[in-house]
Protein backbone atom coordinates (compact mmCIF):
# COMPACT_ATOMS: atom_id res chain seq x y z
CA UNK A 1 -20.94 -27.84 -23.71
CA UNK A 2 -17.34 -28.89 -24.33
CA UNK A 3 -17.06 -26.32 -27.14
CA UNK A 4 -18.32 -23.60 -24.80
CA UNK A 5 -15.72 -24.54 -22.18
CA UNK A 6 -12.95 -24.52 -24.80
CA UNK A 7 -14.15 -21.13 -26.02
CA UNK A 8 -14.16 -19.68 -22.48
CA UNK A 9 -10.67 -21.05 -21.83
CA UNK A 10 -9.49 -19.58 -25.14
CA UNK A 11 -10.93 -16.17 -24.26
CA UNK A 12 -9.35 -16.28 -20.81
CA UNK A 13 -5.92 -17.17 -22.19
CA UNK A 14 -6.27 -14.54 -24.92
CA UNK A 15 -7.19 -11.81 -22.41
CA UNK A 16 -4.30 -12.82 -20.10
CA UNK A 17 -1.90 -12.75 -23.05
CA UNK A 18 -3.10 -9.29 -24.11
CA UNK A 19 -2.81 -8.01 -20.54
CA UNK A 20 0.76 -9.32 -20.29
CA UNK A 21 1.64 -7.70 -23.61
CA UNK A 22 0.21 -4.36 -22.48
CA UNK A 23 2.10 -4.71 -19.21
CA UNK A 24 5.51 -5.20 -20.79
CA UNK A 25 4.81 -2.69 -23.58
CA UNK A 26 4.10 0.07 -21.04
CA UNK A 27 7.17 -0.87 -19.02
CA UNK A 28 9.35 -0.66 -22.14
CA UNK A 29 8.03 2.82 -22.92
CA UNK A 30 8.90 3.97 -19.40
CA UNK A 31 12.18 2.13 -18.95
CA UNK A 32 13.78 2.23 -22.40
CA UNK A 33 12.81 5.85 -23.10
CA UNK A 34 13.83 7.17 -19.69
CA UNK A 35 15.92 10.28 -19.17
CA UNK A 36 19.17 8.82 -17.80
CA UNK A 37 20.00 12.18 -16.19
CA UNK A 38 17.27 11.42 -13.65
CA UNK A 39 18.68 8.08 -12.53
CA UNK A 40 20.21 9.39 -9.33
CA UNK A 41 16.99 11.18 -8.42
CA UNK A 42 14.91 8.07 -9.14
CA UNK A 43 17.21 5.89 -7.04
CA UNK A 44 16.88 8.42 -4.23
CA UNK A 45 13.06 8.39 -4.51
CA UNK A 46 12.89 4.59 -4.53
CA UNK A 47 15.28 4.37 -1.56
CA UNK A 48 13.14 6.85 0.39
CA UNK A 49 10.18 4.43 0.57
CA UNK A 50 11.07 2.56 3.76
CA UNK A 51 12.86 5.36 5.67
CA UNK A 52 9.91 7.72 5.14
CA UNK A 53 7.33 4.99 5.79
CA UNK A 54 8.98 3.94 9.06
CA UNK A 55 10.15 7.39 10.10
CA UNK A 56 6.82 9.18 9.70
CA UNK A 57 4.86 7.26 12.40
CA UNK A 58 7.93 7.23 14.66
CA UNK A 59 8.29 11.02 14.46
CA UNK A 60 4.56 11.60 14.94
CA UNK A 61 4.53 9.28 17.95
CA UNK A 62 7.54 11.13 19.41
CA UNK A 63 5.65 14.42 19.00
CA UNK A 64 2.68 12.86 20.78
CA UNK A 65 4.93 11.80 23.64
CA UNK A 66 6.53 15.22 23.95
CA UNK A 67 3.19 17.03 23.85
CA UNK A 68 1.48 14.33 25.93
CA UNK A 69 -1.17 14.11 23.23
CA UNK A 70 -2.90 10.70 23.14
CA UNK A 71 -4.70 11.52 19.88
CA UNK A 72 -1.42 12.13 18.07
CA UNK A 73 -0.02 8.88 19.44
CA UNK A 74 -3.12 7.01 18.23
CA UNK A 75 -2.62 8.42 14.74
CA UNK A 76 1.02 7.31 14.76
CA UNK A 77 0.10 3.80 15.89
CA UNK A 78 -2.55 3.61 13.15
CA UNK A 79 0.06 4.55 10.55
CA UNK A 80 2.46 1.95 11.90
CA UNK A 81 -0.27 -0.70 11.77
CA UNK A 82 -1.06 0.22 8.16
CA UNK A 83 2.59 -0.11 7.17
CA UNK A 84 2.96 -3.46 8.96
CA UNK A 85 -0.19 -4.81 7.28
CA UNK A 86 0.98 -3.73 3.82
CA UNK A 87 4.42 -5.30 4.32
CA UNK A 88 2.87 -8.56 5.56
CA UNK A 89 0.43 -8.79 2.62
CA UNK A 90 3.13 -7.87 0.08
CA UNK A 91 5.56 -10.50 1.39
CA UNK A 92 2.79 -13.11 1.42
CA UNK A 93 1.79 -12.34 -2.17
CA UNK A 94 5.42 -12.40 -3.32
CA UNK A 95 5.90 -15.87 -1.82
CA UNK A 96 2.70 -17.11 -3.49
CA UNK A 97 3.09 -15.61 -6.98
CA UNK A 98 6.89 -15.87 -7.30
CA UNK A 99 6.84 -13.67 -10.39
CA UNK A 100 10.24 -13.08 -11.98
CA UNK A 101 11.53 -9.54 -12.27
CA UNK A 102 10.91 -8.02 -15.72
CA UNK A 103 14.64 -7.77 -16.51
CA UNK A 104 14.93 -11.53 -15.89
CA UNK A 105 12.15 -12.43 -18.33
CA UNK A 106 12.86 -9.66 -20.85
CA UNK A 107 16.58 -9.10 -21.34
CA UNK A 108 15.98 -5.83 -23.19
CA UNK A 109 14.75 -4.21 -19.97
CA UNK A 110 17.55 -2.12 -18.50
CA UNK A 111 17.53 -2.57 -14.73
CA UNK A 112 19.42 0.15 -12.90
CA UNK A 113 19.34 -1.76 -9.61
CA UNK A 114 19.27 -5.44 -8.63
CA UNK A 115 16.50 -7.05 -6.56
CA UNK A 116 16.49 -10.49 -4.97
CA UNK A 117 12.79 -10.91 -4.10
CA UNK A 118 9.86 -11.73 -6.38
CA UNK A 119 8.30 -9.02 -8.50
CA UNK A 120 4.57 -9.08 -7.62
CA UNK A 121 3.51 -6.85 -5.93
CA UNK A 122 5.84 -3.87 -5.49
CA UNK A 123 6.59 -3.71 -1.75
CA UNK A 124 8.16 -0.25 -2.09
CA UNK A 125 4.94 1.02 -3.67
CA UNK A 126 2.68 -0.69 -1.11
CA UNK A 127 4.67 0.81 1.78
CA UNK A 128 4.57 4.27 0.21
CA UNK A 129 0.83 4.14 -0.43
CA UNK A 130 0.12 2.72 3.03
CA UNK A 131 1.95 5.71 4.48
CA UNK A 132 0.35 8.25 2.14
CA UNK A 133 -3.16 6.89 2.71
CA UNK A 134 -2.91 6.51 6.49
CA UNK A 135 -1.27 9.94 6.86
CA UNK A 136 -4.01 11.51 4.73
CA UNK A 137 -6.71 9.79 6.78
CA UNK A 138 -5.13 10.92 10.04
CA UNK A 139 -4.58 14.48 8.80
CA UNK A 140 -7.18 15.10 6.05
CA UNK A 141 -5.81 18.41 4.79
CA UNK A 142 -4.94 19.13 1.16
CA UNK A 143 -1.40 20.17 2.06
CA UNK A 144 -0.90 16.71 3.60
CA UNK A 145 -2.83 14.65 1.04
CA UNK A 146 -1.33 16.18 -2.13
CA UNK A 147 2.40 15.82 -1.32
CA UNK A 148 1.83 12.42 0.29
CA UNK A 149 0.32 10.89 -2.84
CA UNK A 150 2.70 12.71 -5.19
CA UNK A 151 5.57 11.10 -3.27
CA UNK A 152 3.89 7.67 -3.24
CA UNK A 153 3.18 7.92 -6.97
CA UNK A 154 6.80 8.92 -7.61
CA UNK A 155 7.99 5.85 -5.69
CA UNK A 156 5.78 3.63 -7.86
CA UNK A 157 6.98 5.30 -11.06
CA UNK A 158 10.62 4.98 -9.98
CA UNK A 159 10.22 1.20 -9.69
CA UNK A 160 9.25 1.01 -13.37
CA UNK A 161 11.82 3.61 -14.41
CA UNK A 162 14.54 1.50 -12.77
CA UNK A 163 13.28 -1.60 -14.59
CA UNK A 164 12.57 -3.69 -11.50
CA UNK A 165 8.76 -3.84 -11.63
CA UNK A 166 5.96 -4.26 -14.15
CA UNK A 167 3.14 -1.66 -14.13
CA UNK A 168 0.79 -4.31 -12.70
CA UNK A 169 3.24 -4.87 -9.82
CA UNK A 170 3.08 -1.17 -9.02
CA UNK A 171 -0.71 -1.00 -9.38
CA UNK A 172 -1.10 -4.00 -7.08
CA UNK A 173 1.31 -2.42 -4.60
CA UNK A 174 -0.72 0.80 -4.55
CA UNK A 175 -3.93 -1.16 -3.95
CA UNK A 176 -2.34 -3.25 -1.19
CA UNK A 177 -0.94 -0.18 0.54
CA UNK A 178 -4.10 1.92 0.36
CA UNK A 179 -6.26 -1.10 1.19
CA UNK A 180 -4.16 -1.88 4.25
CA UNK A 181 -4.67 1.64 5.57
CA UNK A 182 -8.44 1.49 5.04
CA UNK A 183 -8.60 -1.96 6.62
CA UNK A 184 -6.67 -0.84 9.69
CA UNK A 185 -8.83 2.27 9.99
CA UNK A 186 -12.05 0.23 9.88
CA UNK A 187 -10.65 -2.32 12.32
CA UNK A 188 -9.58 0.39 14.78
CA UNK A 189 -12.94 2.09 14.43
CA UNK A 190 -14.74 -1.20 15.13
CA UNK A 191 -12.58 -1.89 18.20
CA UNK A 192 -13.15 1.66 19.48
CA UNK A 193 -16.89 1.32 18.97
CA UNK A 194 -16.90 -1.88 21.00
CA UNK A 195 -15.06 -0.13 23.82
CA UNK A 196 -16.94 3.17 23.58
CA UNK A 197 -20.32 2.71 21.85
CA UNK A 198 -20.95 6.44 21.48
CA UNK A 199 -17.58 7.30 19.97
CA UNK A 200 -18.21 8.40 16.38
CA UNK A 201 -14.67 9.06 15.14
CA UNK A 202 -11.44 7.16 15.59
CA UNK A 203 -9.44 10.20 16.67
CA UNK A 204 -11.90 11.60 19.23
């Protein structure tokens, strides 16, 4: 029995070690082989995460106010809730994991910008994906979905390009952001159903 436990522990440690190696190896390929001519563009993309994530629901809500459209306002509130949930979860996970930035652990990583918070997960990525997912759910049209997720993916890539996040940080951020939107959608739908039993869709 003891041998089996030791074997399981060994396999677990081995798999974790391999995952960490794959993580840093992929980051090195992205960061160390980057086209430095794109640095300004990547900084601009990464800096767009919060302004776009906050500005989108604010603008949509303002449109709803102007047009006196309660459905549009509901969609904006849903997007704001999704963003708030993703930020809360990301901050909580950062405080729990306290993972060092890749450029702190691996001095060969060339960080273009400095960050003071923990590395896991990527809050920029989670905010971007919360916005992209909630916007796509509120307006399920290809011309909304495609650019939304291209932008969110670009934000995630920029975090690795700039050397401030591991690929697993970005992946976790994308899952947190998208998951927050789905969670808020389901919660709103459940609340609406309790209030109006025959209401089938959130936006009706």
